[in-house]
Amino acid sequence: MSKVLWNLYAHGYDAIAGLAPYRDMLDEVVDSLDLAPGMRVLDAGCGTGALAERAAIACPDVEWVGVDLSATMLKRARRRQRWPDGFRFVEANLDDFLDQGQVGFDRIASVNVIWTLPDPAATLSRMAKALRPTGRMVHTTPRLRFNFQRIVWAHLARQRGWARVRAALGLPLLALVGLLNLVLVAQSMLSRARHRRERWDARGLEELLRKAGSSVRTVRPCYVGQGHLLVCEQDTGPSPLPPPAKGL
């Protein structure tokens, strides 16, 4: 049932991904990845390719592997644009993909994926093992008390003229997509209650990532305060980097 819902969600997902605060969040992720030519990057739960699109603008000369369980999401991702040669999209369960010996990633990113994982601790541990010792992971995930209205109003406030009118006309679609999102969140919370704190709470997420073998370097709000952004690396011992900058 969950896969069917995600395929349905894919048809309206770009309405959310097109919101100004969402695009800002994607740019924060790309900046935090600190991409360089030749890097191998895993986009875990790539959806319709919104993050890949921003990365292709910032640094097209990387090997970008987008993985998602939803065939509909991936179909839209592949059609999104003419991708650079190193960009590809794979339909797979993320755990199964990582269990196939997919290692040697310089960067791993996930945008609002952690809350969807059946066992986030196990999946993040697999990610950490797939990361090169000098690599980095960047994750975003929503807060538990997520306020979608604040995101929509922040988007509308940044529009001018006819762009604001078009944005207002798109509100019914956003409402429908938001409702489906609530259904997916409710399904996740009901079936995975034991992971509640790990999925939504900033300190719980830090603890989860550390247990997975990652050193958390940065935790800060994103998505106009409706999400957390976490930057982490493999836990390979003492590091000269400064402690995490926290804005909880």
C-alpha atoms as a PDB file:
ATOM      1  CA  MET A   1       0.000   0.000   0.000  1.00  0.00           C
ATOM      2  CA  SER A   2       2.811   2.413   0.870  1.00  0.00           C
ATOM      3  CA  LYS A   3       4.415   2.070  -2.580  1.00  0.00           C
ATOM      4  CA  VAL A   4       1.052   2.823  -4.221  1.00  0.00           C
ATOM      5  CA  LEU A   5       0.702   5.969  -2.095  1.00  0.00           C
ATOM      6  CA  TRP A   6       4.213   7.142  -2.998  1.00  0.00           C
ATOM      7  CA  ASN A   7       3.506   6.611  -6.704  1.00  0.00           C
ATOM      8  CA  LEU A   8       0.344   8.684  -6.302  1.00  0.00           C
ATOM      9  CA  TYR A   9       2.204  11.319  -4.305  1.00  0.00           C
ATOM     10  CA  ALA A  10       4.720  11.623  -7.150  1.00  0.00           C
ATOM     11  CA  HIS A  11       2.153  13.266  -9.412  1.00  0.00           C
ATOM     12  CA  GLY A  12       1.873  16.305  -7.135  1.00  0.00           C
ATOM     13  CA  TYR A  13       5.272  16.283  -5.459  1.00  0.00           C
ATOM     14  CA  ASP A  14       6.806  18.871  -7.779  1.00  0.00           C
ATOM     15  CA  ALA A  15       4.187  21.365  -6.596  1.00  0.00           C
ATOM     16  CA  ILE A  16       5.868  21.166  -3.193  1.00  0.00           C
ATOM     17  CA  ALA A  17       9.393  20.996  -4.597  1.00  0.00           C
ATOM     18  CA  GLY A  18       8.690  24.210  -6.503  1.00  0.00           C
ATOM     19  CA  LEU A  19       7.966  26.224  -3.364  1.00  0.00           C
ATOM     20  CA  ALA A  20      10.600  28.857  -2.611  1.00  0.00           C
ATOM     21  CA  PRO A  21      11.392  27.542   0.912  1.00  0.00           C
ATOM     22  CA  TYR A  22      11.822  24.023  -0.481  1.00  0.00           C
ATOM     23  CA  ARG A  23      14.195  25.280  -3.172  1.00  0.00           C
ATOM     24  CA  ASP A  24      16.130  27.163  -0.487  1.00  0.00           C
ATOM     25  CA  MET A  25      16.427  23.919   1.493  1.00  0.00           C
ATOM     26  CA  LEU A  26      17.750  22.078  -1.573  1.00  0.00           C
ATOM     27  CA  ASP A  27      20.346  24.793  -2.133  1.00  0.00           C
ATOM     28  CA  GLU A  28      21.417  24.473   1.509  1.00  0.00           C
ATOM     29  CA  VAL A  29      21.910  20.752   0.990  1.00  0.00           C
ATOM     30  CA  VAL A  30      23.964  21.301  -2.169  1.00  0.00           C
ATOM     31  CA  ASP A  31      26.097  23.933  -0.422  1.00  0.00           C
ATOM     32  CA  SER A  32      26.628  21.603   2.558  1.00  0.00           C
ATOM     33  CA  LEU A  33      27.653  18.724   0.281  1.00  0.00           C
ATOM     34  CA  ASP A  34      30.547  20.877  -0.985  1.00  0.00           C
ATOM     35  CA  LEU A  35      30.701  19.033  -4.300  1.00  0.00           C
ATOM     36  CA  ALA A  36      33.811  18.822  -6.458  1.00  0.00           C
ATOM     37  CA  PRO A  37      34.352  17.290  -9.920  1.00  0.00           C
ATOM     38  CA  GLY A  38      34.896  13.532  -9.879  1.00  0.00           C
ATOM     39  CA  MET A  39      33.014  12.875  -6.641  1.00  0.00           C
ATOM     40  CA  ARG A  40      30.634   9.925  -6.374  1.00  0.00           C
ATOM     41  CA  VAL A  41      27.328  10.956  -4.792  1.00  0.00           C
ATOM     42  CA  LEU A  42      24.330   8.957  -3.557  1.00  0.00           C
ATOM     43  CA  ASP A  43      20.975  10.734  -3.581  1.00  0.00           C
ATOM     44  CA  ALA A  44      19.069   8.468  -1.180  1.00  0.00           C
ATOM     45  CA  GLY A  45      15.352   8.703  -1.857  1.00  0.00           C
ATOM     46  CA  CYS A  46      15.836  11.001  -4.843  1.00  0.00           C
ATOM     47  CA  GLY A  47      12.131  11.445  -5.626  1.00  0.00           C
ATOM     48  CA  THR A  48      11.477  13.433  -8.797  1.00  0.00           C
ATOM     49  CA  GLY A  49      15.069  14.663  -9.067  1.00  0.00           C
ATOM     50  CA  ALA A  50      14.671  18.094  -7.477  1.00  0.00           C
ATOM     51  CA  LEU A  51      17.941  17.872  -5.529  1.00  0.00           C
ATOM     52  CA  ALA A  52      19.770  16.357  -8.497  1.00  0.00           C
ATOM     53  CA  GLU A  53      18.659  19.296 -10.621  1.00  0.00           C
ATOM     54  CA  ARG A  54      20.198  21.819  -8.221  1.00  0.00           C
ATOM     55  CA  ALA A  55      23.380  19.730  -7.955  1.00  0.00           C
ATOM     56  CA  ALA A  56      23.682  19.491 -11.742  1.00  0.00           C
ATOM     57  CA  ILE A  57      23.740  23.282 -11.884  1.00  0.00           C
ATOM     58  CA  ALA A  58      26.306  23.604  -9.089  1.00  0.00           C
ATOM     59  CA  CYS A  59      28.651  20.804 -10.151  1.00  0.00           C
ATOM     60  CA  PRO A  60      27.690  18.745 -13.212  1.00  0.00           C
ATOM     61  CA  ASP A  61      30.963  16.788 -13.315  1.00  0.00           C
ATOM     62  CA  VAL A  62      30.112  14.296 -10.571  1.00  0.00           C
ATOM     63  CA  GLU A  63      28.837  10.723 -10.624  1.00  0.00           C
ATOM     64  CA  TRP A  64      25.320  11.128  -9.214  1.00  0.00           C
ATOM     65  CA  VAL A  65      23.303   8.033  -8.314  1.00  0.00           C
ATOM     66  CA  GLY A  66      19.663   8.719  -7.436  1.00  0.00           C
ATOM     67  CA  VAL A  67      17.829   5.814  -5.773  1.00  0.00           C
ATOM     68  CA  ASP A  68      14.114   5.631  -5.097  1.00  0.00           C
ATOM     69  CA  LEU A  69      11.492   2.942  -4.537  1.00  0.00           C
ATOM     70  CA  SER A  70       8.801   4.720  -6.568  1.00  0.00           C
ATOM     71  CA  ALA A  71       8.827   4.051 -10.300  1.00  0.00           C
ATOM     72  CA  THR A  72       6.600   7.074 -10.863  1.00  0.00           C
ATOM     73  CA  MET A  73       8.982   9.374  -9.006  1.00  0.00           C
ATOM     74  CA  LEU A  74      11.888   8.102 -11.097  1.00  0.00           C
ATOM     75  CA  LYS A  75       9.985   8.425 -14.356  1.00  0.00           C
ATOM     76  CA  ARG A  76       9.425  12.089 -13.590  1.00  0.00           C
ATOM     77  CA  ALA A  77      13.062  12.500 -12.506  1.00  0.00           C
ATOM     78  CA  ARG A  78      14.397  11.079 -15.775  1.00  0.00           C
ATOM     79  CA  ARG A  79      12.137  13.407 -17.777  1.00  0.00           C
ATOM     80  CA  ARG A  80      12.933  16.451 -15.682  1.00  0.00           C
ATOM     81  CA  GLN A  81      15.742  17.645 -17.903  1.00  0.00           C
ATOM     82  CA  ARG A  82      18.627  16.474 -20.053  1.00  0.00           C
ATOM     83  CA  TRP A  83      20.969  15.217 -17.391  1.00  0.00           C
ATOM     84  CA  PRO A  84      24.789  15.381 -17.411  1.00  0.00           C
ATOM     85  CA  ASP A  85      26.472  12.108 -18.437  1.00  0.00           C
ATOM     86  CA  GLY A  86      27.323  11.111 -14.872  1.00  0.00           C
ATOM     87  CA  PHE A  87      23.746  11.320 -13.548  1.00  0.00           C
ATOM     88  CA  ARG A  88      21.603   8.174 -13.351  1.00  0.00           C
ATOM     89  CA  PHE A  89      18.514   7.032 -11.467  1.00  0.00           C
ATOM     90  CA  VAL A  90      17.919   3.556 -10.043  1.00  0.00           C
ATOM     91  CA  GLU A  91      14.640   1.993  -8.912  1.00  0.00           C
ATOM     92  CA  ALA A  92      15.397   0.038  -5.742  1.00  0.00           C
ATOM     93  CA  ASN A  93      14.723  -0.344  -2.066  1.00  0.00           C
ATOM     94  CA  LEU A  94      17.458   1.730  -0.439  1.00  0.00           C
ATOM     95  CA  ASP A  95      18.512  -1.024   1.968  1.00  0.00           C
ATOM     96  CA  ASP A  96      18.681  -3.591  -0.830  1.00  0.00           C
ATOM     97  CA  PHE A  97      20.709  -1.192  -2.968  1.00  0.00           C
ATOM     98  CA  LEU A  98      23.237  -0.611  -0.199  1.00  0.00           C
ATOM     99  CA  ASP A  99      23.388  -4.336   0.613  1.00  0.00           C
ATOM    100  CA  GLN A 100      24.566  -5.010  -2.947  1.00  0.00           C
ATOM    101  CA  GLY A 101      27.993  -3.730  -1.987  1.00  0.00           C
ATOM    102  CA  GLN A 102      27.464  -0.157  -3.149  1.00  0.00           C
ATOM    103  CA  VAL A 103      30.418   1.539  -1.457  1.00  0.00           C
ATOM    104  CA  GLY A 104      32.870   4.319  -2.110  1.00  0.00           C
ATOM    105  CA  PHE A 105      30.582   7.332  -2.052  1.00  0.00           C
ATOM    106  CA  ASP A 106      32.214  10.686  -1.361  1.00  0.00           C
ATOM    107  CA  ARG A 107      28.875  12.243  -0.497  1.00  0.00           C
ATOM    108  CA  ILE A 108      25.453  10.937   0.519  1.00  0.00           C
ATOM    109  CA  ALA A 109      22.353  13.119   0.705  1.00  0.00           C
ATOM    110  CA  SER A 110      18.780  12.489   1.752  1.00  0.00           C
ATOM    111  CA  VAL A 111      16.006  15.076   1.647  1.00  0.00           C
ATOM    112  CA  ASN A 112      13.072  14.350   3.969  1.00  0.00           C
ATOM    113  CA  VAL A 113      13.662  10.599   3.793  1.00  0.00           C
ATOM    114  CA  ILE A 114      14.612   9.533   7.339  1.00  0.00           C
ATOM    115  CA  TRP A 115      11.014   9.637   8.599  1.00  0.00           C
ATOM    116  CA  THR A 116       9.944   7.224   5.843  1.00  0.00           C
ATOM    117  CA  LEU A 117      12.481   4.489   6.657  1.00  0.00           C
ATOM    118  CA  PRO A 118      11.193   1.251   8.254  1.00  0.00           C
ATOM    119  CA  ASP A 119      14.365   1.015  10.372  1.00  0.00           C
ATOM    120  CA  PRO A 120      16.261   4.322  10.210  1.00  0.00           C
ATOM    121  CA  ALA A 121      19.121   3.118  12.420  1.00  0.00           C
ATOM    122  CA  ALA A 122      19.864   0.180  10.127  1.00  0.00           C
ATOM    123  CA  THR A 123      19.607   2.206   6.925  1.00  0.00           C
ATOM    124  CA  LEU A 124      21.793   5.056   8.200  1.00  0.00           C
ATOM    125  CA  SER A 125      24.344   2.492   9.342  1.00  0.00           C
ATOM    126  CA  ARG A 126      24.407   1.091   5.809  1.00  0.00           C
ATOM    127  CA  MET A 127      24.903   4.610   4.461  1.00  0.00           C
ATOM    128  CA  ALA A 128      27.797   5.251   6.844  1.00  0.00           C
ATOM    129  CA  LYS A 129      29.490   2.031   5.719  1.00  0.00           C
ATOM    130  CA  ALA A 130      29.068   3.037   2.071  1.00  0.00           C
ATOM    131  CA  LEU A 131      30.756   6.394   2.696  1.00  0.00           C
ATOM    132  CA  ARG A 132      34.464   6.875   2.118  1.00  0.00           C
ATOM    133  CA  PRO A 133      36.475   7.796   5.254  1.00  0.00           C
ATOM    134  CA  THR A 134      36.820  11.400   4.093  1.00  0.00           C
ATOM    135  CA  GLY A 135      33.199  11.577   2.950  1.00  0.00           C
ATOM    136  CA  ARG A 136      30.185  13.492   4.184  1.00  0.00           C
ATOM    137  CA  MET A 137      26.464  12.925   4.613  1.00  0.00           C
ATOM    138  CA  VAL A 138      23.824  15.645   4.550  1.00  0.00           C
ATOM    139  CA  HIS A 139      20.269  14.940   5.667  1.00  0.00           C
ATOM    140  CA  THR A 140      17.153  17.021   6.024  1.00  0.00           C
ATOM    141  CA  THR A 141      14.042  15.843   7.810  1.00  0.00           C
ATOM    142  CA  PRO A 142      10.885  17.624   9.006  1.00  0.00           C
ATOM    143  CA  ARG A 143      10.023  18.548  12.568  1.00  0.00           C
ATOM    144  CA  LEU A 144       7.283  16.619  14.321  1.00  0.00           C
ATOM    145  CA  ARG A 145       5.103  19.738  14.660  1.00  0.00           C
ATOM    146  CA  PHE A 146       5.365  20.525  10.978  1.00  0.00           C
ATOM    147  CA  ASN A 147       3.515  23.674   9.861  1.00  0.00           C
ATOM    148  CA  PHE A 148       2.908  23.466   6.106  1.00  0.00           C
ATOM    149  CA  GLN A 149       0.974  26.743   6.112  1.00  0.00           C
ATOM    150  CA  ARG A 150       4.087  28.640   7.156  1.00  0.00           C
ATOM    151  CA  ILE A 151       5.936  27.262   4.127  1.00  0.00           C
ATOM    152  CA  VAL A 152       3.128  28.207   1.751  1.00  0.00           C
ATOM    153  CA  TRP A 153       2.846  31.741   3.111  1.00  0.00           C
ATOM    154  CA  ALA A 154       6.612  32.187   2.934  1.00  0.00           C
ATOM    155  CA  HIS A 155       6.435  31.160  -0.719  1.00  0.00           C
ATOM    156  CA  LEU A 156       3.564  33.534  -1.503  1.00  0.00           C
ATOM    157  CA  ALA A 157       5.338  36.434   0.210  1.00  0.00           C
ATOM    158  CA  ARG A 158       8.247  36.097  -2.210  1.00  0.00           C
ATOM    159  CA  GLN A 159       6.115  36.195  -5.344  1.00  0.00           C
ATOM    160  CA  ARG A 160       5.356  39.369  -7.223  1.00  0.00           C
ATOM    161  CA  GLY A 161       2.679  40.337  -9.732  1.00  0.00           C
ATOM    162  CA  TRP A 162       1.264  37.530 -11.846  1.00  0.00           C
ATOM    163  CA  ALA A 163       3.606  35.040 -10.187  1.00  0.00           C
ATOM    164  CA  ARG A 164       1.729  35.593  -6.929  1.00  0.00           C
ATOM    165  CA  VAL A 165      -1.623  35.127  -8.712  1.00  0.00           C
ATOM    166  CA  ARG A 166      -0.419  31.856 -10.274  1.00  0.00           C
ATOM    167  CA  ALA A 167       0.866  30.708  -6.904  1.00  0.00           C
ATOM    168  CA  ALA A 168      -2.506  31.466  -5.298  1.00  0.00           C
ATOM    169  CA  LEU A 169      -4.328  29.543  -8.041  1.00  0.00           C
ATOM    170  CA  GLY A 170      -2.126  26.545  -7.259  1.00  0.00           C
ATOM    171  CA  LEU A 171      -3.194  26.416  -3.607  1.00  0.00           C
ATOM    172  CA  PRO A 172      -5.925  23.741  -4.138  1.00  0.00           C
ATOM    173  CA  LEU A 173      -3.355  21.356  -5.628  1.00  0.00           C
ATOM    174  CA  LEU A 174      -0.967  22.069  -2.764  1.00  0.00           C
ATOM    175  CA  ALA A 175      -3.767  21.324  -0.302  1.00  0.00           C
ATOM    176  CA  LEU A 176      -4.424  17.949  -1.930  1.00  0.00           C
ATOM    177  CA  VAL A 177      -0.730  17.050  -1.989  1.00  0.00           C
ATOM    178  CA  GLY A 178      -0.388  18.196   1.621  1.00  0.00           C
ATOM    179  CA  LEU A 179      -3.294  15.967   2.625  1.00  0.00           C
ATOM    180  CA  LEU A 180      -1.671  12.953   0.995  1.00  0.00           C
ATOM    181  CA  ASN A 181       1.556  13.834   2.775  1.00  0.00           C
ATOM    182  CA  LEU A 182      -0.311  13.782   6.093  1.00  0.00           C
ATOM    183  CA  VAL A 183      -1.628  10.309   5.249  1.00  0.00           C
ATOM    184  CA  LEU A 184       1.926   9.081   4.602  1.00  0.00           C
ATOM    185  CA  VAL A 185       3.188  10.653   7.834  1.00  0.00           C
ATOM    186  CA  ALA A 186       0.325   9.138   9.830  1.00  0.00           C
ATOM    187  CA  GLN A 187       1.015   5.734   8.300  1.00  0.00           C
ATOM    188  CA  SER A 188       4.681   6.030   9.267  1.00  0.00           C
ATOM    189  CA  MET A 189       3.938   7.111  12.836  1.00  0.00           C
ATOM    190  CA  LEU A 190       1.369   4.379  13.444  1.00  0.00           C
ATOM    191  CA  SER A 191       3.512   1.566  12.088  1.00  0.00           C
ATOM    192  CA  ARG A 192       6.853   2.758  13.489  1.00  0.00           C
ATOM    193  CA  ALA A 193       6.027   4.373  16.818  1.00  0.00           C
ATOM    194  CA  ARG A 194       9.174   3.039  18.483  1.00  0.00           C
ATOM    195  CA  HIS A 195      11.301   5.258  16.234  1.00  0.00           C
ATOM    196  CA  ARG A 196       9.297   8.420  16.877  1.00  0.00           C
ATOM    197  CA  ARG A 197      11.930  10.458  18.705  1.00  0.00           C
ATOM    198  CA  GLU A 198      14.704   9.380  16.329  1.00  0.00           C
ATOM    199  CA  ARG A 199      12.758  10.538  13.293  1.00  0.00           C
ATOM    200  CA  TRP A 200      11.544  13.956  14.356  1.00  0.00           C
ATOM    201  CA  ASP A 201      13.596  15.321  17.256  1.00  0.00           C
ATOM    202  CA  ALA A 202      16.935  17.046  16.551  1.00  0.00           C
ATOM    203  CA  ARG A 203      18.745  15.462  19.503  1.00  0.00           C
ATOM    204  CA  GLY A 204      17.205  12.095  18.719  1.00  0.00           C
ATOM    205  CA  LEU A 205      18.443  12.382  15.152  1.00  0.00           C
ATOM    206  CA  GLU A 206      21.949  13.237  16.371  1.00  0.00           C
ATOM    207  CA  GLU A 207      21.951  10.186  18.603  1.00  0.00           C
ATOM    208  CA  LEU A 208      20.652   8.015  15.773  1.00  0.00           C
ATOM    209  CA  LEU A 209      23.386   9.159  13.388  1.00  0.00           C
ATOM    210  CA  ARG A 210      26.133   8.717  15.965  1.00  0.00           C
ATOM    211  CA  LYS A 211      24.978   5.162  16.642  1.00  0.00           C
ATOM    212  CA  ALA A 212      25.128   4.590  12.897  1.00  0.00           C
ATOM    213  CA  GLY A 213      28.827   5.514  12.922  1.00  0.00           C
ATOM    214  CA  SER A 214      28.681   9.162  11.892  1.00  0.00           C
ATOM    215  CA  SER A 215      30.128  12.235  13.555  1.00  0.00           C
ATOM    216  CA  VAL A 216      27.508  14.978  13.491  1.00  0.00           C
ATOM    217  CA  ARG A 217      29.138  18.302  12.630  1.00  0.00           C
ATOM    218  CA  THR A 218      26.167  20.604  12.158  1.00  0.00           C
ATOM    219  CA  VAL A 219      22.535  20.625  13.216  1.00  0.00           C
ATOM    220  CA  ARG A 220      20.443  23.621  12.280  1.00  0.00           C
ATOM    221  CA  PRO A 221      16.881  24.535  11.317  1.00  0.00           C
ATOM    222  CA  CYS A 222      15.929  24.654   7.654  1.00  0.00           C
ATOM    223  CA  TYR A 223      12.775  24.912   5.541  1.00  0.00           C
ATOM    224  CA  VAL A 224      11.674  28.146   7.290  1.00  0.00           C
ATOM    225  CA  GLY A 225      12.073  26.427  10.647  1.00  0.00           C
ATOM    226  CA  GLN A 226       9.967  23.380   9.729  1.00  0.00           C
ATOM    227  CA  GLY A 227      12.858  20.965   9.334  1.00  0.00           C
ATOM    228  CA  HIS A 228      16.312  19.987  10.548  1.00  0.00           C
ATOM    229  CA  LEU A 229      19.488  19.941   8.448  1.00  0.00           C
ATOM    230  CA  LEU A 230      22.274  17.659   9.645  1.00  0.00           C
ATOM    231  CA  VAL A 231      25.794  17.449   8.270  1.00  0.00           C
ATOM    232  CA  CYS A 232      27.847  14.471   9.362  1.00  0.00           C
ATOM    233  CA  GLU A 233      30.880  12.366   8.555  1.00  0.00           C
ATOM    234  CA  GLN A 234      32.083   8.888   9.316  1.00  0.00           C
ATOM    235  CA  ASP A 235      33.244   8.449  12.888  1.00  0.00           C
ATOM    236  CA  THR A 236      36.927   7.794  12.219  1.00  0.00           C
ATOM    237  CA  GLY A 237      38.320   9.156  15.462  1.00  0.00           C
ATOM    238  CA  PRO A 238      39.410  12.629  16.626  1.00  0.00           C
ATOM    239  CA  SER A 239      38.882  15.426  14.140  1.00  0.00           C
ATOM    240  CA  PRO A 240      40.298  18.944  13.924  1.00  0.00           C
ATOM    241  CA  LEU A 241      36.909  20.271  12.866  1.00  0.00           C
ATOM    242  CA  PRO A 242      34.979  22.461  15.316  1.00  0.00           C
ATOM    243  CA  PRO A 243      32.037  21.075  17.307  1.00  0.00           C
ATOM    244  CA  PRO A 244      28.515  21.179  15.890  1.00  0.00           C
ATOM    245  CA  ALA A 245      26.852  24.551  15.467  1.00  0.00           C
ATOM    246  CA  LYS A 246      23.402  24.114  16.958  1.00  0.00           C
ATOM    247  CA  GLY A 247      20.323  26.166  16.330  1.00  0.00           C
ATOM    248  CA  LEU A 248      17.521  24.053  17.760  1.00  0.00           C
END
